[in-house]
């Protein structure tokens, strides 16, 4: 499913804004019947747009087939301005200040390589950007996750005793 109708887009945006929103709240917010929201949610889940219980959006399923990881070298006095300007680039999903080679790391989504090139040119025009290095994501093997990390915290076990001993070993 790569085409979303306007209600689908509004529904997904509402879920991003409030992942815990109930169907009735979504219906009221969007000005449609509960059954309409439920049917759109089911269709979005079946089509793979919404995954992980309906609160995570699959970028490829909505037409963003290219994911790139861009390392940006920045003039340090312009770092804050570069980060502010990156916020204005719609394709930029995440920005981290990093150590090592480069100064800033961005995850970028694009519909195709031409769309990625447009984003790269926009990034290169930002005052303070010296150069970029781009790596394309070919396949997501492990999606963003928290469960294994949180399972290692004290009290995470089913009995409240913490995780099983095998979970504590690396």
Protein backbone atom coordinates (compact mmCIF):
# COMPACT_ATOMS: atom_id res chain seq x y z
CA UNK A 1 0.00 0.00 0.00
CA UNK A 2 1.71 3.19 -1.09
CA UNK A 3 -1.30 5.43 -1.57
CA UNK A 4 -3.00 6.88 1.44
CA UNK A 5 -6.21 8.81 1.13
CA UNK A 6 -6.49 12.12 3.01
CA UNK A 7 -8.28 10.46 5.96
CA UNK A 8 -5.53 7.82 6.19
CA UNK A 9 -2.90 10.57 6.37
CA UNK A 10 -4.83 12.48 9.05
CA UNK A 11 -5.35 9.25 11.00
CA UNK A 12 -1.66 8.29 10.89
CA UNK A 13 -0.67 11.84 11.91
CA UNK A 14 -3.13 11.69 14.82
CA UNK A 15 -1.62 8.37 15.94
CA UNK A 16 1.89 9.81 15.76
CA UNK A 17 0.72 12.79 17.81
CA UNK A 18 -1.00 10.57 20.41
CA UNK A 19 -0.14 6.86 20.10
CA UNK A 20 -2.48 6.02 23.00
CA UNK A 21 -5.54 7.65 21.45
CA UNK A 22 -8.66 5.49 21.50
CA UNK A 23 -10.78 4.87 18.41
CA UNK A 24 -13.55 7.09 19.80
CA UNK A 25 -11.09 9.95 20.39
CA UNK A 26 -9.68 9.57 16.89
CA UNK A 27 -13.18 9.56 15.40
CA UNK A 28 -14.08 12.76 17.23
CA UNK A 29 -10.80 14.45 16.31
CA UNK A 30 -11.15 13.51 12.63
CA UNK A 31 -14.89 14.20 12.46
CA UNK A 32 -15.84 10.71 11.26
CA UNK A 33 -17.68 7.72 12.68
CA UNK A 34 -15.94 5.18 14.93
CA UNK A 35 -16.59 2.44 12.37
CA UNK A 36 -14.83 4.52 9.72
CA UNK A 37 -11.76 4.88 11.93
CA UNK A 38 -11.78 1.16 12.76
CA UNK A 39 -12.06 0.17 9.10
CA UNK A 40 -9.20 2.51 8.09
CA UNK A 41 -7.03 1.21 10.95
CA UNK A 42 -7.67 -2.40 9.87
CA UNK A 43 -6.86 -1.57 6.25
CA UNK A 44 -3.67 0.28 7.24
CA UNK A 45 -2.55 -2.65 9.39
CA UNK A 46 -3.37 -5.26 6.72
CA UNK A 47 -1.55 -3.15 4.12
CA UNK A 48 1.54 -3.01 6.34
CA UNK A 49 1.44 0.75 6.81
CA UNK A 50 0.86 0.40 10.54
CA UNK A 51 2.84 -2.28 12.36
CA UNK A 52 3.56 -3.22 15.97
CA UNK A 53 -0.02 -2.96 17.10
CA UNK A 54 -0.82 -0.04 14.86
CA UNK A 55 1.44 2.65 16.28
CA UNK A 56 4.54 2.33 14.08
CA UNK A 57 4.52 3.49 10.43
CA UNK A 58 6.37 1.45 7.80
CA UNK A 59 8.02 4.08 5.59
CA UNK A 60 8.27 1.81 2.54
CA UNK A 61 4.56 1.05 2.75
CA UNK A 62 3.76 4.76 2.36
CA UNK A 63 6.13 5.25 -0.56
CA UNK A 64 9.43 6.15 1.14
CA UNK A 65 11.54 3.29 -0.22
CA UNK A 66 14.95 4.90 0.32
CA UNK A 67 16.50 5.28 3.76
CA UNK A 68 19.89 6.96 4.02
CA UNK A 69 22.26 7.66 6.87
CA UNK A 70 24.07 10.94 6.34
CA UNK A 71 27.14 12.01 8.27
CA UNK A 72 27.55 15.78 8.15
CA UNK A 73 30.76 17.67 8.81
CA UNK A 74 29.98 21.10 10.26
CA UNK A 75 31.79 24.30 11.08
CA UNK A 76 31.52 24.10 14.86
CA UNK A 77 30.45 27.71 15.40
CA UNK A 78 27.47 27.00 13.12
CA UNK A 79 26.41 23.70 14.76
CA UNK A 80 23.25 25.04 16.41
CA UNK A 81 22.17 26.73 13.20
CA UNK A 82 22.81 23.57 11.18
CA UNK A 83 20.69 21.51 13.56
CA UNK A 84 17.88 24.09 13.41
CA UNK A 85 18.03 24.08 9.60
CA UNK A 86 17.97 20.26 9.47
CA UNK A 87 14.71 20.36 11.45
CA UNK A 88 13.16 22.20 8.48
CA UNK A 89 14.06 19.44 5.97
CA UNK A 90 10.99 17.17 5.85
CA UNK A 91 12.93 14.06 4.82
CA UNK A 92 15.16 14.26 7.93
CA UNK A 93 13.77 11.81 10.49
CA UNK A 94 16.46 11.96 13.20
CA UNK A 95 19.52 14.04 13.99
CA UNK A 96 22.29 13.14 16.43
CA UNK A 97 25.40 15.09 17.34
CA UNK A 98 28.15 12.46 17.17
CA UNK A 99 31.77 11.87 18.06
CA UNK A 100 34.29 10.47 15.65
CA UNK A 101 34.24 11.11 11.95
CA UNK A 102 31.77 13.89 11.23
CA UNK A 103 29.77 16.02 13.62
CA UNK A 104 26.11 15.25 12.95
CA UNK A 105 24.35 12.06 11.87
CA UNK A 106 20.95 12.13 10.15
CA UNK A 107 18.52 9.42 9.15
CA UNK A 108 16.70 10.51 6.01
CA UNK A 109 13.77 8.97 4.12
CA UNK A 110 13.05 9.55 0.44
CA UNK A 111 10.67 8.26 -2.22
CA UNK A 112 13.53 7.49 -4.61
CA UNK A 113 17.15 8.47 -5.24
CA UNK A 114 16.13 11.70 -6.99
CA UNK A 115 14.13 12.71 -3.90
CA UNK A 116 17.17 11.83 -1.77
CA UNK A 117 19.37 13.97 -4.00
CA UNK A 118 17.00 16.91 -3.47
CA UNK A 119 17.32 16.47 0.30
CA UNK A 120 21.11 16.17 0.08
CA UNK A 121 21.36 19.37 -1.93
CA UNK A 122 19.14 21.11 0.60
CA UNK A 123 21.42 19.91 3.42
CA UNK A 124 24.58 20.96 1.57
CA UNK A 125 23.17 24.50 1.14
CA UNK A 126 22.84 24.95 4.92
CA UNK A 127 25.27 27.57 6.24
CA UNK A 128 27.99 25.77 8.19
CA UNK A 129 27.79 22.41 6.40
CA UNK A 130 31.22 21.54 5.04
CA UNK A 131 30.53 18.13 3.50
CA UNK A 132 28.35 15.05 3.80
CA UNK A 133 28.85 11.32 3.48
CA UNK A 134 25.83 9.19 2.64
CA UNK A 135 25.22 5.49 3.18
CA UNK A 136 22.06 3.85 1.87
CA UNK A 137 20.09 1.48 4.04
CA UNK A 138 19.51 -1.66 1.97
CA UNK A 139 17.37 -3.72 4.36
CA UNK A 140 16.14 -3.29 7.93
CA UNK A 141 17.05 -6.46 9.81
CA UNK A 142 16.24 -5.28 13.34
CA UNK A 143 13.69 -2.48 13.63
CA UNK A 144 13.99 0.07 16.43
CA UNK A 145 13.34 -1.76 19.65
CA UNK A 146 13.37 -1.22 23.40
CA UNK A 147 12.09 -4.51 24.78
CA UNK A 148 15.46 -6.33 25.18
CA UNK A 149 16.97 -3.27 26.86
CA UNK A 150 14.06 -2.82 29.26
CA UNK A 151 13.90 -6.55 30.05
CA UNK A 152 17.37 -6.19 31.55
CA UNK A 153 16.20 -3.65 34.13
CA UNK A 154 15.53 -4.73 37.71
CA UNK A 155 11.90 -5.66 38.21
CA UNK A 156 11.31 -6.51 34.57
CA UNK A 157 10.70 -10.22 35.21
CA UNK A 158 7.19 -11.60 35.30
CA UNK A 159 7.34 -12.26 39.03
CA UNK A 160 8.81 -8.85 39.78
CA UNK A 161 12.13 -10.53 40.64
CA UNK A 162 13.95 -9.20 37.59
CA UNK A 163 14.88 -11.04 34.40
CA UNK A 164 15.82 -14.69 34.30
CA UNK A 165 19.55 -15.25 34.98
CA UNK A 166 20.23 -16.14 31.33
CA UNK A 167 19.08 -12.64 30.35
CA UNK A 168 21.74 -11.06 32.56
CA UNK A 169 24.61 -12.69 30.69
CA UNK A 170 25.93 -10.97 27.55
